[in-house]
Amino acid sequence: MGNNFQAPSSQGTQVVAAQQQGQQVAKTVKPVDILKKNLNADSVQAQFRNALGKNAPSFVASIIDLYNTDISLQQCDPNKVICEALKAAVLKLPINRALGFAYVIAYNNNRKVKDPATGRESWQKVMEPTFQLGYKGYIQLAMRTGYYKTINADVVYEGELQTVNKLTGEVSFDGTRLSDKVVGYFCYFELLNGFAKAMYMTVEQMALHAKRFSKGLGREVTVEQLVALAAQPVQVESKTVGWLGNFHSMAMKTVIRLLLSKYGYLSIEMQSAMVDDQSGDDYEVRDGEIQKGANSREIVMDGANFEDVAAAPVPQIEAPAPAVDPGF
């Protein structure tokens, strides 16, 4: 009996291989495609319409543009990116970095991840998006309350600072600027009822604050390195963000937030914005840094000998004497 089997031709093999490769390419979904699909969901669209009305489509387009241009955000869960962007939408603040009102920044956080095979939890690096206000966003929200007559924040150059009255909190900048060296940052506001307050922080104080509270700074970053960043030219309108990317802008935002949170009038909208802005510096992340950097060792107790210890007697506490009625 003759064998009717025929070997596939080289051309047929190439066609099959091309089809398989095409299927693999079709199965590969880009992160931005997932983001667009989730943004087009009716429930998501409804939330943005409720927050922004007719301006919702342009804000959604800005989310896609931001996601396309930020490699770090593309490593985050698209749903979480949308949630963080929605916080800015509720406040009616744009997330365009060139404007400097609000940002969605990706942080490489430490999170407890459970291994499905072993059931054990371990600290691992996870890229997560975080909503953050810019210094312009704080000023914008303060002016919306209608209670502020004026609010201002800026850098202080060498020679401008004259006196700081610790008793009243008044700061005088009547000096003459001697150089381009930045020595500190200030914020000042006055309410319509006449109440006014100012705050001044030196570059060194700002660097210490950043080192202590910012989760975006690694342990290898020193206070001296942060102080050196203050010697760079002042470009608060830069698209770069964070303490390492734009130290001056972050410093101005910090002094505004500290002054308003302590003495300013805070609307419900401002209170919510401050909570969202500060939620990134949570204990879970910092505890993760501690756990990861700690000296940990697994101790095996198999075969260990234990000594029975008799329970100590519980001390008897005498009941207090009854109170005597004073008669009045």
C-alpha atoms as a PDB file:
ATOM      1  CA  MET A   1       0.000   0.000   0.000  1.00  0.00           C
ATOM      2  CA  GLY A   2       1.386   3.369  -0.972  1.00  0.00           C
ATOM      3  CA  ASN A   3       1.948   6.067   1.615  1.00  0.00           C
ATOM      4  CA  ASN A   4      -0.261   9.098   0.823  1.00  0.00           C
ATOM      5  CA  PHE A   5       1.448  11.351   3.458  1.00  0.00           C
ATOM      6  CA  GLN A   6       2.935  14.479   1.947  1.00  0.00           C
ATOM      7  CA  ALA A   7       5.370  16.735   3.795  1.00  0.00           C
ATOM      8  CA  PRO A   8       4.200  20.312   4.022  1.00  0.00           C
ATOM      9  CA  SER A   9       5.862  22.667   1.644  1.00  0.00           C
ATOM     10  CA  SER A  10       8.147  25.425   2.896  1.00  0.00           C
ATOM     11  CA  GLN A  11       5.618  27.995   1.705  1.00  0.00           C
ATOM     12  CA  GLY A  12       2.840  26.327   3.715  1.00  0.00           C
ATOM     13  CA  THR A  13       5.066  26.247   6.793  1.00  0.00           C
ATOM     14  CA  GLN A  14       5.703  29.954   6.460  1.00  0.00           C
ATOM     15  CA  VAL A  15       1.986  30.662   6.183  1.00  0.00           C
ATOM     16  CA  VAL A  16       1.221  28.634   9.324  1.00  0.00           C
ATOM     17  CA  ALA A  17       4.039  30.333  11.218  1.00  0.00           C
ATOM     18  CA  ALA A  18       2.798  33.744  10.137  1.00  0.00           C
ATOM     19  CA  GLN A  19      -0.710  32.890  11.303  1.00  0.00           C
ATOM     20  CA  GLN A  20       0.566  31.733  14.701  1.00  0.00           C
ATOM     21  CA  GLN A  21       2.666  34.851  15.071  1.00  0.00           C
ATOM     22  CA  GLY A  22      -0.326  36.992  14.167  1.00  0.00           C
ATOM     23  CA  GLN A  23      -2.392  35.258  16.825  1.00  0.00           C
ATOM     24  CA  GLN A  24       0.301  35.930  19.432  1.00  0.00           C
ATOM     25  CA  VAL A  25       0.429  39.593  18.462  1.00  0.00           C
ATOM     26  CA  ALA A  26      -3.346  39.786  18.671  1.00  0.00           C
ATOM     27  CA  LYS A  27      -3.259  38.313  22.158  1.00  0.00           C
ATOM     28  CA  THR A  28      -0.751  40.938  23.358  1.00  0.00           C
ATOM     29  CA  VAL A  29      -2.784  43.808  24.766  1.00  0.00           C
ATOM     30  CA  LYS A  30      -1.099  47.117  25.403  1.00  0.00           C
ATOM     31  CA  PRO A  31      -1.642  48.725  28.829  1.00  0.00           C
ATOM     32  CA  VAL A  32      -3.035  51.868  27.218  1.00  0.00           C
ATOM     33  CA  ASP A  33      -5.681  49.763  25.442  1.00  0.00           C
ATOM     34  CA  ILE A  34      -6.798  48.374  28.801  1.00  0.00           C
ATOM     35  CA  LEU A  35      -6.949  51.906  30.184  1.00  0.00           C
ATOM     36  CA  LYS A  36      -9.058  53.119  27.257  1.00  0.00           C
ATOM     37  CA  LYS A  37     -11.441  50.176  27.607  1.00  0.00           C
ATOM     38  CA  ASN A  38     -11.935  50.840  31.307  1.00  0.00           C
ATOM     39  CA  LEU A  39     -12.410  54.560  30.701  1.00  0.00           C
ATOM     40  CA  ASN A  40     -15.134  53.820  28.166  1.00  0.00           C
ATOM     41  CA  ALA A  41     -17.155  51.837  30.708  1.00  0.00           C
ATOM     42  CA  ASP A  42     -20.543  53.442  31.369  1.00  0.00           C
ATOM     43  CA  SER A  43     -20.031  53.542  35.142  1.00  0.00           C
ATOM     44  CA  VAL A  44     -16.659  55.291  34.791  1.00  0.00           C
ATOM     45  CA  GLN A  45     -17.976  57.772  32.256  1.00  0.00           C
ATOM     46  CA  ALA A  46     -20.869  58.578  34.586  1.00  0.00           C
ATOM     47  CA  GLN A  47     -18.511  59.391  37.453  1.00  0.00           C
ATOM     48  CA  PHE A  48     -16.474  61.813  35.337  1.00  0.00           C
ATOM     49  CA  ARG A  49     -19.656  63.443  33.988  1.00  0.00           C
ATOM     50  CA  ASN A  50     -20.942  63.930  37.517  1.00  0.00           C
ATOM     51  CA  ALA A  51     -17.664  65.593  38.499  1.00  0.00           C
ATOM     52  CA  LEU A  52     -16.943  67.676  35.412  1.00  0.00           C
ATOM     53  CA  GLY A  53     -20.106  67.887  33.349  1.00  0.00           C
ATOM     54  CA  LYS A  54     -19.428  68.838  29.741  1.00  0.00           C
ATOM     55  CA  ASN A  55     -15.674  69.016  30.425  1.00  0.00           C
ATOM     56  CA  ALA A  56     -15.464  65.281  31.162  1.00  0.00           C
ATOM     57  CA  PRO A  57     -14.335  64.189  27.651  1.00  0.00           C
ATOM     58  CA  SER A  58     -11.334  66.541  27.635  1.00  0.00           C
ATOM     59  CA  PHE A  59     -10.278  65.406  31.108  1.00  0.00           C
ATOM     60  CA  VAL A  60     -10.520  61.733  30.090  1.00  0.00           C
ATOM     61  CA  ALA A  61      -8.361  62.524  27.060  1.00  0.00           C
ATOM     62  CA  SER A  62      -5.760  64.077  29.365  1.00  0.00           C
ATOM     63  CA  ILE A  63      -5.643  60.837  31.380  1.00  0.00           C
ATOM     64  CA  ILE A  64      -4.845  58.855  28.240  1.00  0.00           C
ATOM     65  CA  ASP A  65      -2.212  61.387  27.206  1.00  0.00           C
ATOM     66  CA  LEU A  66      -0.576  61.265  30.642  1.00  0.00           C
ATOM     67  CA  TYR A  67      -0.609  57.461  30.650  1.00  0.00           C
ATOM     68  CA  ASN A  68       0.936  57.305  27.175  1.00  0.00           C
ATOM     69  CA  THR A  69       3.830  59.580  28.110  1.00  0.00           C
ATOM     70  CA  ASP A  70       4.664  58.075  31.524  1.00  0.00           C
ATOM     71  CA  ILE A  71       6.396  54.690  31.432  1.00  0.00           C
ATOM     72  CA  SER A  72       6.123  54.313  35.217  1.00  0.00           C
ATOM     73  CA  LEU A  73       2.342  54.770  35.158  1.00  0.00           C
ATOM     74  CA  GLN A  74       2.068  52.094  32.482  1.00  0.00           C
ATOM     75  CA  GLN A  75       3.406  49.606  35.044  1.00  0.00           C
ATOM     76  CA  CYS A  76       0.509  50.408  37.386  1.00  0.00           C
ATOM     77  CA  ASP A  77      -2.956  48.896  37.484  1.00  0.00           C
ATOM     78  CA  PRO A  78      -5.044  50.933  34.980  1.00  0.00           C
ATOM     79  CA  ASN A  79      -8.039  50.874  37.318  1.00  0.00           C
ATOM     80  CA  LYS A  80      -5.979  52.443  40.102  1.00  0.00           C
ATOM     81  CA  VAL A  81      -4.722  55.119  37.708  1.00  0.00           C
ATOM     82  CA  ILE A  82      -8.325  55.995  36.892  1.00  0.00           C
ATOM     83  CA  CYS A  83      -9.241  56.138  40.590  1.00  0.00           C
ATOM     84  CA  GLU A  84      -6.388  58.535  41.359  1.00  0.00           C
ATOM     85  CA  ALA A  85      -7.239  60.704  38.352  1.00  0.00           C
ATOM     86  CA  LEU A  86     -10.852  60.823  39.507  1.00  0.00           C
ATOM     87  CA  LYS A  87      -9.696  62.518  42.729  1.00  0.00           C
ATOM     88  CA  ALA A  88      -8.374  65.390  40.627  1.00  0.00           C
ATOM     89  CA  ALA A  89     -11.573  65.442  38.583  1.00  0.00           C
ATOM     90  CA  VAL A  90     -13.721  65.788  41.712  1.00  0.00           C
ATOM     91  CA  LEU A  91     -11.598  68.799  42.717  1.00  0.00           C
ATOM     92  CA  LYS A  92     -11.853  70.150  39.151  1.00  0.00           C
ATOM     93  CA  LEU A  93      -8.082  70.356  38.843  1.00  0.00           C
ATOM     94  CA  PRO A  94      -6.234  69.422  35.634  1.00  0.00           C
ATOM     95  CA  ILE A  95      -3.577  66.695  35.790  1.00  0.00           C
ATOM     96  CA  ASN A  96      -1.461  68.193  33.016  1.00  0.00           C
ATOM     97  CA  ARG A  97       2.023  68.388  34.513  1.00  0.00           C
ATOM     98  CA  ALA A  98       2.826  71.551  32.609  1.00  0.00           C
ATOM     99  CA  LEU A  99       0.099  73.375  34.552  1.00  0.00           C
ATOM    100  CA  GLY A 100       1.230  72.255  38.007  1.00  0.00           C
ATOM    101  CA  PHE A 101      -2.174  71.984  39.722  1.00  0.00           C
ATOM    102  CA  ALA A 102      -2.327  68.223  40.341  1.00  0.00           C
ATOM    103  CA  TYR A 103      -0.355  65.112  39.471  1.00  0.00           C
ATOM    104  CA  VAL A 104      -0.750  61.349  39.261  1.00  0.00           C
ATOM    105  CA  ILE A 105       2.671  59.915  40.110  1.00  0.00           C
ATOM    106  CA  ALA A 106       3.797  56.283  40.167  1.00  0.00           C
ATOM    107  CA  TYR A 107       5.673  55.140  43.275  1.00  0.00           C
ATOM    108  CA  ASN A 108       7.544  51.877  43.696  1.00  0.00           C
ATOM    109  CA  ASN A 109       5.989  50.955  47.039  1.00  0.00           C
ATOM    110  CA  ASN A 110       6.620  48.041  49.356  1.00  0.00           C
ATOM    111  CA  ARG A 111       3.533  45.891  49.751  1.00  0.00           C
ATOM    112  CA  LYS A 112       2.801  42.556  51.358  1.00  0.00           C
ATOM    113  CA  VAL A 113       2.174  40.013  48.602  1.00  0.00           C
ATOM    114  CA  LYS A 114       0.830  36.548  49.385  1.00  0.00           C
ATOM    115  CA  ASP A 115       2.326  33.613  47.511  1.00  0.00           C
ATOM    116  CA  PRO A 116      -0.619  31.473  46.312  1.00  0.00           C
ATOM    117  CA  ALA A 117       1.534  28.327  46.348  1.00  0.00           C
ATOM    118  CA  THR A 118       2.967  28.573  49.866  1.00  0.00           C
ATOM    119  CA  GLY A 119       0.526  31.004  51.445  1.00  0.00           C
ATOM    120  CA  ARG A 120       3.399  33.045  52.861  1.00  0.00           C
ATOM    121  CA  GLU A 121       3.464  36.826  52.707  1.00  0.00           C
ATOM    122  CA  SER A 122       6.551  38.759  51.707  1.00  0.00           C
ATOM    123  CA  TRP A 123       7.389  42.403  51.040  1.00  0.00           C
ATOM    124  CA  GLN A 124       7.716  43.163  47.351  1.00  0.00           C
ATOM    125  CA  LYS A 125       8.066  46.274  45.209  1.00  0.00           C
ATOM    126  CA  VAL A 126       4.801  47.228  43.487  1.00  0.00           C
ATOM    127  CA  MET A 127       4.272  50.219  41.197  1.00  0.00           C
ATOM    128  CA  GLU A 128       1.248  52.176  42.435  1.00  0.00           C
ATOM    129  CA  PRO A 129      -0.234  55.492  41.219  1.00  0.00           C
ATOM    130  CA  THR A 130      -0.696  58.277  43.754  1.00  0.00           C
ATOM    131  CA  PHE A 131      -2.647  61.522  43.506  1.00  0.00           C
ATOM    132  CA  GLN A 132      -0.723  64.595  44.621  1.00  0.00           C
ATOM    133  CA  LEU A 133      -1.596  68.272  44.679  1.00  0.00           C
ATOM    134  CA  GLY A 134       0.750  70.878  43.308  1.00  0.00           C
ATOM    135  CA  TYR A 135       1.335  74.194  45.052  1.00  0.00           C
ATOM    136  CA  LYS A 136      -0.943  75.886  42.490  1.00  0.00           C
ATOM    137  CA  GLY A 137      -3.680  73.415  43.381  1.00  0.00           C
ATOM    138  CA  TYR A 138      -3.561  74.460  47.046  1.00  0.00           C
ATOM    139  CA  ILE A 139      -3.774  78.132  46.108  1.00  0.00           C
ATOM    140  CA  GLN A 140      -6.649  77.445  43.702  1.00  0.00           C
ATOM    141  CA  LEU A 141      -8.679  75.562  46.322  1.00  0.00           C
ATOM    142  CA  ALA A 142      -8.027  78.266  48.926  1.00  0.00           C
ATOM    143  CA  MET A 143      -9.238  81.047  46.630  1.00  0.00           C
ATOM    144  CA  ARG A 144     -12.398  79.086  45.782  1.00  0.00           C
ATOM    145  CA  THR A 145     -13.537  79.245  49.403  1.00  0.00           C
ATOM    146  CA  GLY A 146     -14.122  82.988  49.106  1.00  0.00           C
ATOM    147  CA  TYR A 147     -12.579  83.610  52.543  1.00  0.00           C
ATOM    148  CA  TYR A 148      -9.065  84.569  51.425  1.00  0.00           C
ATOM    149  CA  LYS A 149      -8.239  88.143  50.528  1.00  0.00           C
ATOM    150  CA  THR A 150      -4.762  87.171  49.386  1.00  0.00           C
ATOM    151  CA  ILE A 151      -2.419  84.184  49.481  1.00  0.00           C
ATOM    152  CA  ASN A 152       1.138  84.023  48.245  1.00  0.00           C
ATOM    153  CA  ALA A 153       4.151  81.709  48.345  1.00  0.00           C
ATOM    154  CA  ASP A 154       7.631  82.114  46.934  1.00  0.00           C
ATOM    155  CA  VAL A 155      11.327  81.493  47.428  1.00  0.00           C
ATOM    156  CA  VAL A 156      13.485  83.754  49.625  1.00  0.00           C
ATOM    157  CA  TYR A 157      16.884  84.832  48.336  1.00  0.00           C
ATOM    158  CA  GLU A 158      19.976  85.674  50.327  1.00  0.00           C
ATOM    159  CA  GLY A 159      19.659  89.085  51.954  1.00  0.00           C
ATOM    160  CA  GLU A 160      15.876  89.424  51.688  1.00  0.00           C
ATOM    161  CA  LEU A 161      15.021  87.996  55.122  1.00  0.00           C
ATOM    162  CA  GLN A 162      15.295  90.550  57.932  1.00  0.00           C
ATOM    163  CA  THR A 163      13.436  89.302  60.993  1.00  0.00           C
ATOM    164  CA  VAL A 164      11.209  86.472  62.145  1.00  0.00           C
ATOM    165  CA  ASN A 165       9.072  87.285  65.189  1.00  0.00           C
ATOM    166  CA  LYS A 166       8.623  83.986  66.977  1.00  0.00           C
ATOM    167  CA  LEU A 167       5.959  85.435  69.269  1.00  0.00           C
ATOM    168  CA  THR A 168       3.603  86.847  66.631  1.00  0.00           C
ATOM    169  CA  GLY A 169       4.752  84.773  63.651  1.00  0.00           C
ATOM    170  CA  GLU A 170       5.397  87.887  61.583  1.00  0.00           C
ATOM    171  CA  VAL A 171       8.161  87.672  58.975  1.00  0.00           C
ATOM    172  CA  SER A 172       9.915  90.631  57.386  1.00  0.00           C
ATOM    173  CA  PHE A 173      11.447  90.445  53.903  1.00  0.00           C
ATOM    174  CA  ASP A 174      12.486  94.084  53.601  1.00  0.00           C
ATOM    175  CA  GLY A 175      16.125  93.256  52.887  1.00  0.00           C
ATOM    176  CA  THR A 176      17.916  93.704  49.594  1.00  0.00           C
ATOM    177  CA  ARG A 177      18.561  90.629  47.478  1.00  0.00           C
ATOM    178  CA  LEU A 178      22.301  89.974  47.433  1.00  0.00           C
ATOM    179  CA  SER A 179      22.559  86.938  45.148  1.00  0.00           C
ATOM    180  CA  ASP A 180      20.604  84.167  43.441  1.00  0.00           C
ATOM    181  CA  LYS A 181      21.148  81.827  46.387  1.00  0.00           C
ATOM    182  CA  VAL A 182      17.856  80.496  47.790  1.00  0.00           C
ATOM    183  CA  VAL A 183      17.894  80.443  51.595  1.00  0.00           C
ATOM    184  CA  GLY A 184      14.268  79.538  52.321  1.00  0.00           C
ATOM    185  CA  TYR A 185      10.579  79.542  51.396  1.00  0.00           C
ATOM    186  CA  PHE A 186       7.556  81.413  52.714  1.00  0.00           C
ATOM    187  CA  CYS A 187       3.789  81.445  52.542  1.00  0.00           C
ATOM    188  CA  TYR A 188       1.477  84.282  53.578  1.00  0.00           C
ATOM    189  CA  PHE A 189      -2.290  84.648  53.601  1.00  0.00           C
ATOM    190  CA  GLU A 190      -4.850  87.168  54.763  1.00  0.00           C
ATOM    191  CA  LEU A 191      -8.527  86.434  55.273  1.00  0.00           C
ATOM    192  CA  LEU A 192     -11.348  88.836  54.501  1.00  0.00           C
ATOM    193  CA  ASN A 193     -11.912  89.329  58.236  1.00  0.00           C
ATOM    194  CA  GLY A 194      -8.372  90.694  58.608  1.00  0.00           C
ATOM    195  CA  PHE A 195      -6.705  87.614  60.108  1.00  0.00           C
ATOM    196  CA  ALA A 196      -3.266  87.116  58.561  1.00  0.00           C
ATOM    197  CA  LYS A 197      -0.488  84.598  59.064  1.00  0.00           C
ATOM    198  CA  ALA A 198       2.911  83.835  57.573  1.00  0.00           C
ATOM    199  CA  MET A 199       5.354  80.930  57.707  1.00  0.00           C
ATOM    200  CA  TYR A 200       9.015  80.781  56.785  1.00  0.00           C
ATOM    201  CA  MET A 201      11.184  77.662  56.477  1.00  0.00           C
ATOM    202  CA  THR A 202      14.879  77.549  55.707  1.00  0.00           C
ATOM    203  CA  VAL A 203      16.319  75.273  53.034  1.00  0.00           C
ATOM    204  CA  GLU A 204      17.779  73.042  55.757  1.00  0.00           C
ATOM    205  CA  GLN A 205      14.410  72.755  57.530  1.00  0.00           C
ATOM    206  CA  MET A 206      12.729  71.888  54.251  1.00  0.00           C
ATOM    207  CA  ALA A 207      15.316  69.210  53.440  1.00  0.00           C
ATOM    208  CA  LEU A 208      14.862  67.627  56.875  1.00  0.00           C
ATOM    209  CA  HIS A 209      11.081  67.631  56.402  1.00  0.00           C
ATOM    210  CA  ALA A 210      11.370  66.008  52.980  1.00  0.00           C
ATOM    211  CA  LYS A 211      13.748  63.337  54.238  1.00  0.00           C
ATOM    212  CA  ARG A 212      11.453  62.474  57.124  1.00  0.00           C
ATOM    213  CA  PHE A 213       8.067  62.412  55.403  1.00  0.00           C
ATOM    214  CA  SER A 214       8.515  61.841  51.662  1.00  0.00           C
ATOM    215  CA  LYS A 215       8.058  58.246  50.563  1.00  0.00           C
ATOM    216  CA  GLY A 216       9.461  59.063  47.137  1.00  0.00           C
ATOM    217  CA  LEU A 217      12.954  59.494  48.558  1.00  0.00           C
ATOM    218  CA  GLY A 218      15.088  56.413  48.983  1.00  0.00           C
ATOM    219  CA  ARG A 219      17.138  55.761  52.082  1.00  0.00           C
ATOM    220  CA  GLU A 220      20.270  56.527  50.110  1.00  0.00           C
ATOM    221  CA  VAL A 221      19.224  60.166  49.619  1.00  0.00           C
ATOM    222  CA  THR A 222      20.812  62.382  52.279  1.00  0.00           C
ATOM    223  CA  VAL A 223      19.764  65.740  53.682  1.00  0.00           C
ATOM    224  CA  GLU A 224      22.951  67.257  52.270  1.00  0.00           C
ATOM    225  CA  GLN A 225      21.976  66.130  48.768  1.00  0.00           C
ATOM    226  CA  LEU A 226      18.550  67.729  49.149  1.00  0.00           C
ATOM    227  CA  VAL A 227      20.102  70.987  50.352  1.00  0.00           C
ATOM    228  CA  ALA A 228      22.325  70.954  47.270  1.00  0.00           C
ATOM    229  CA  LEU A 229      19.216  70.777  45.062  1.00  0.00           C
ATOM    230  CA  ALA A 230      18.152  74.169  46.378  1.00  0.00           C
ATOM    231  CA  ALA A 231      21.200  75.667  44.635  1.00  0.00           C
ATOM    232  CA  GLN A 232      19.683  74.842  41.244  1.00  0.00           C
ATOM    233  CA  PRO A 233      17.883  77.580  39.263  1.00  0.00           C
ATOM    234  CA  VAL A 234      14.305  78.254  40.308  1.00  0.00           C
ATOM    235  CA  GLN A 235      11.996  76.686  37.714  1.00  0.00           C
ATOM    236  CA  VAL A 236       8.728  76.034  39.504  1.00  0.00           C
ATOM    237  CA  GLU A 237       6.938  75.725  36.146  1.00  0.00           C
ATOM    238  CA  SER A 238       9.016  72.676  35.160  1.00  0.00           C
ATOM    239  CA  LYS A 239       7.210  69.488  34.117  1.00  0.00           C
ATOM    240  CA  THR A 240       9.424  67.402  36.392  1.00  0.00           C
ATOM    241  CA  VAL A 241       7.914  66.533  39.758  1.00  0.00           C
ATOM    242  CA  GLY A 242       9.044  65.306  43.149  1.00  0.00           C
ATOM    243  CA  TRP A 243      11.759  66.466  45.504  1.00  0.00           C
ATOM    244  CA  LEU A 244      14.552  65.267  43.254  1.00  0.00           C
ATOM    245  CA  GLY A 245      12.931  66.581  40.088  1.00  0.00           C
ATOM    246  CA  ASN A 246      11.754  70.001  41.290  1.00  0.00           C
ATOM    247  CA  PHE A 247      12.849  70.773  44.844  1.00  0.00           C
ATOM    248  CA  HIS A 248      11.671  74.399  44.784  1.00  0.00           C
ATOM    249  CA  SER A 249       8.133  73.565  43.680  1.00  0.00           C
ATOM    250  CA  MET A 250       7.783  70.856  46.312  1.00  0.00           C
ATOM    251  CA  ALA A 251       9.156  73.180  48.979  1.00  0.00           C
ATOM    252  CA  MET A 252       6.620  75.892  48.126  1.00  0.00           C
ATOM    253  CA  LYS A 253       3.821  73.344  48.204  1.00  0.00           C
ATOM    254  CA  THR A 254       4.989  72.078  51.589  1.00  0.00           C
ATOM    255  CA  VAL A 255       5.084  75.491  53.261  1.00  0.00           C
ATOM    256  CA  ILE A 256       1.619  76.292  51.854  1.00  0.00           C
ATOM    257  CA  ARG A 257       0.163  73.035  53.127  1.00  0.00           C
ATOM    258  CA  LEU A 258       1.714  73.386  56.586  1.00  0.00           C
ATOM    259  CA  LEU A 259       0.484  76.954  57.028  1.00  0.00           C
ATOM    260  CA  LEU A 260      -3.046  76.356  55.723  1.00  0.00           C
ATOM    261  CA  SER A 261      -3.527  73.133  57.672  1.00  0.00           C
ATOM    262  CA  LYS A 262      -2.555  74.924  60.906  1.00  0.00           C
ATOM    263  CA  TYR A 263      -4.055  78.410  60.566  1.00  0.00           C
ATOM    264  CA  GLY A 264      -6.046  78.647  57.335  1.00  0.00           C
ATOM    265  CA  TYR A 265      -9.744  78.324  56.653  1.00  0.00           C
ATOM    266  CA  LEU A 266     -10.332  74.840  55.238  1.00  0.00           C
ATOM    267  CA  SER A 267     -13.453  74.051  53.288  1.00  0.00           C
ATOM    268  CA  ILE A 268     -14.693  70.474  53.038  1.00  0.00           C
ATOM    269  CA  GLU A 269     -13.163  70.355  49.568  1.00  0.00           C
ATOM    270  CA  MET A 270      -9.768  71.462  50.894  1.00  0.00           C
ATOM    271  CA  GLN A 271      -9.879  68.993  53.763  1.00  0.00           C
ATOM    272  CA  SER A 272     -10.580  66.138  51.353  1.00  0.00           C
ATOM    273  CA  ALA A 273      -7.781  67.287  49.056  1.00  0.00           C
ATOM    274  CA  MET A 274      -5.268  67.420  51.901  1.00  0.00           C
ATOM    275  CA  VAL A 275      -6.200  63.922  53.041  1.00  0.00           C
ATOM    276  CA  ASP A 276      -5.780  62.549  49.519  1.00  0.00           C
ATOM    277  CA  ASP A 277      -2.498  64.411  49.081  1.00  0.00           C
ATOM    278  CA  GLN A 278      -1.033  63.063  52.304  1.00  0.00           C
ATOM    279  CA  SER A 279      -2.403  59.522  51.984  1.00  0.00           C
ATOM    280  CA  GLY A 280       0.717  58.445  50.110  1.00  0.00           C
ATOM    281  CA  ASP A 281       2.867  58.794  53.213  1.00  0.00           C
ATOM    282  CA  ASP A 282       1.070  56.009  55.026  1.00  0.00           C
ATOM    283  CA  TYR A 283       2.429  53.757  57.712  1.00  0.00           C
ATOM    284  CA  GLU A 284       2.073  50.666  55.565  1.00  0.00           C
ATOM    285  CA  VAL A 285       4.717  51.878  53.140  1.00  0.00           C
ATOM    286  CA  ARG A 286       7.093  53.038  55.859  1.00  0.00           C
ATOM    287  CA  ASP A 287       6.597  49.854  57.827  1.00  0.00           C
ATOM    288  CA  GLY A 288       7.436  47.965  54.645  1.00  0.00           C
ATOM    289  CA  GLU A 289      10.749  49.812  54.416  1.00  0.00           C
ATOM    290  CA  ILE A 290      11.491  48.903  58.024  1.00  0.00           C
ATOM    291  CA  GLN A 291      10.556  45.266  57.546  1.00  0.00           C
ATOM    292  CA  LYS A 292      12.620  44.964  54.401  1.00  0.00           C
ATOM    293  CA  GLY A 293      15.672  46.625  55.945  1.00  0.00           C
ATOM    294  CA  ALA A 294      15.496  44.807  59.266  1.00  0.00           C
ATOM    295  CA  ASN A 295      17.712  41.877  60.145  1.00  0.00           C
ATOM    296  CA  SER A 296      15.281  38.984  59.951  1.00  0.00           C
ATOM    297  CA  ARG A 297      16.040  35.334  60.504  1.00  0.00           C
ATOM    298  CA  GLU A 298      13.773  32.305  60.509  1.00  0.00           C
ATOM    299  CA  ILE A 299      14.203  30.269  63.700  1.00  0.00           C
ATOM    300  CA  VAL A 300      13.358  26.562  63.555  1.00  0.00           C
ATOM    301  CA  MET A 301      12.013  25.270  66.881  1.00  0.00           C
ATOM    302  CA  ASP A 302      11.822  21.576  65.981  1.00  0.00           C
ATOM    303  CA  GLY A 303      13.426  19.435  68.694  1.00  0.00           C
ATOM    304  CA  ALA A 304      13.743  22.271  71.170  1.00  0.00           C
ATOM    305  CA  ASN A 305      13.408  21.456  74.874  1.00  0.00           C
ATOM    306  CA  PHE A 306      10.962  23.525  76.888  1.00  0.00           C
ATOM    307  CA  GLU A 307      10.892  23.870  80.649  1.00  0.00           C
ATOM    308  CA  ASP A 308       7.567  23.887  82.447  1.00  0.00           C
ATOM    309  CA  VAL A 309       7.236  26.999  84.504  1.00  0.00           C
ATOM    310  CA  ALA A 310       4.608  27.174  87.181  1.00  0.00           C
ATOM    311  CA  ALA A 311       2.237  30.021  86.833  1.00  0.00           C
ATOM    312  CA  ALA A 312       2.943  32.820  89.273  1.00  0.00           C
ATOM    313  CA  PRO A 313       0.224  33.436  91.843  1.00  0.00           C
ATOM    314  CA  VAL A 314      -2.124  36.227  90.983  1.00  0.00           C
ATOM    315  CA  PRO A 315      -1.685  39.070  93.489  1.00  0.00           C
ATOM    316  CA  GLN A 316      -4.750  39.863  95.552  1.00  0.00           C
ATOM    317  CA  ILE A 317      -5.882  43.446  95.333  1.00  0.00           C
ATOM    318  CA  GLU A 318      -7.744  44.737  98.336  1.00  0.00           C
ATOM    319  CA  ALA A 319     -11.015  46.459  97.635  1.00  0.00           C
ATOM    320  CA  PRO A 320     -10.930  50.191  98.351  1.00  0.00           C
ATOM    321  CA  ALA A 321     -12.642  51.442 101.481  1.00  0.00           C
ATOM    322  CA  PRO A 322     -16.150  52.790 100.914  1.00  0.00           C
ATOM    323  CA  ALA A 323     -16.319  56.527 100.416  1.00  0.00           C
ATOM    324  CA  VAL A 324     -17.640  58.549 103.354  1.00  0.00           C
ATOM    325  CA  ASP A 325     -20.558  60.798 102.588  1.00  0.00           C
ATOM    326  CA  PRO A 326     -19.384  64.364 103.345  1.00  0.00           C
ATOM    327  CA  GLY A 327     -22.931  65.485 103.993  1.00  0.00           C
ATOM    328  CA  PHE A 328     -23.274  68.142 101.316  1.00  0.00           C
END
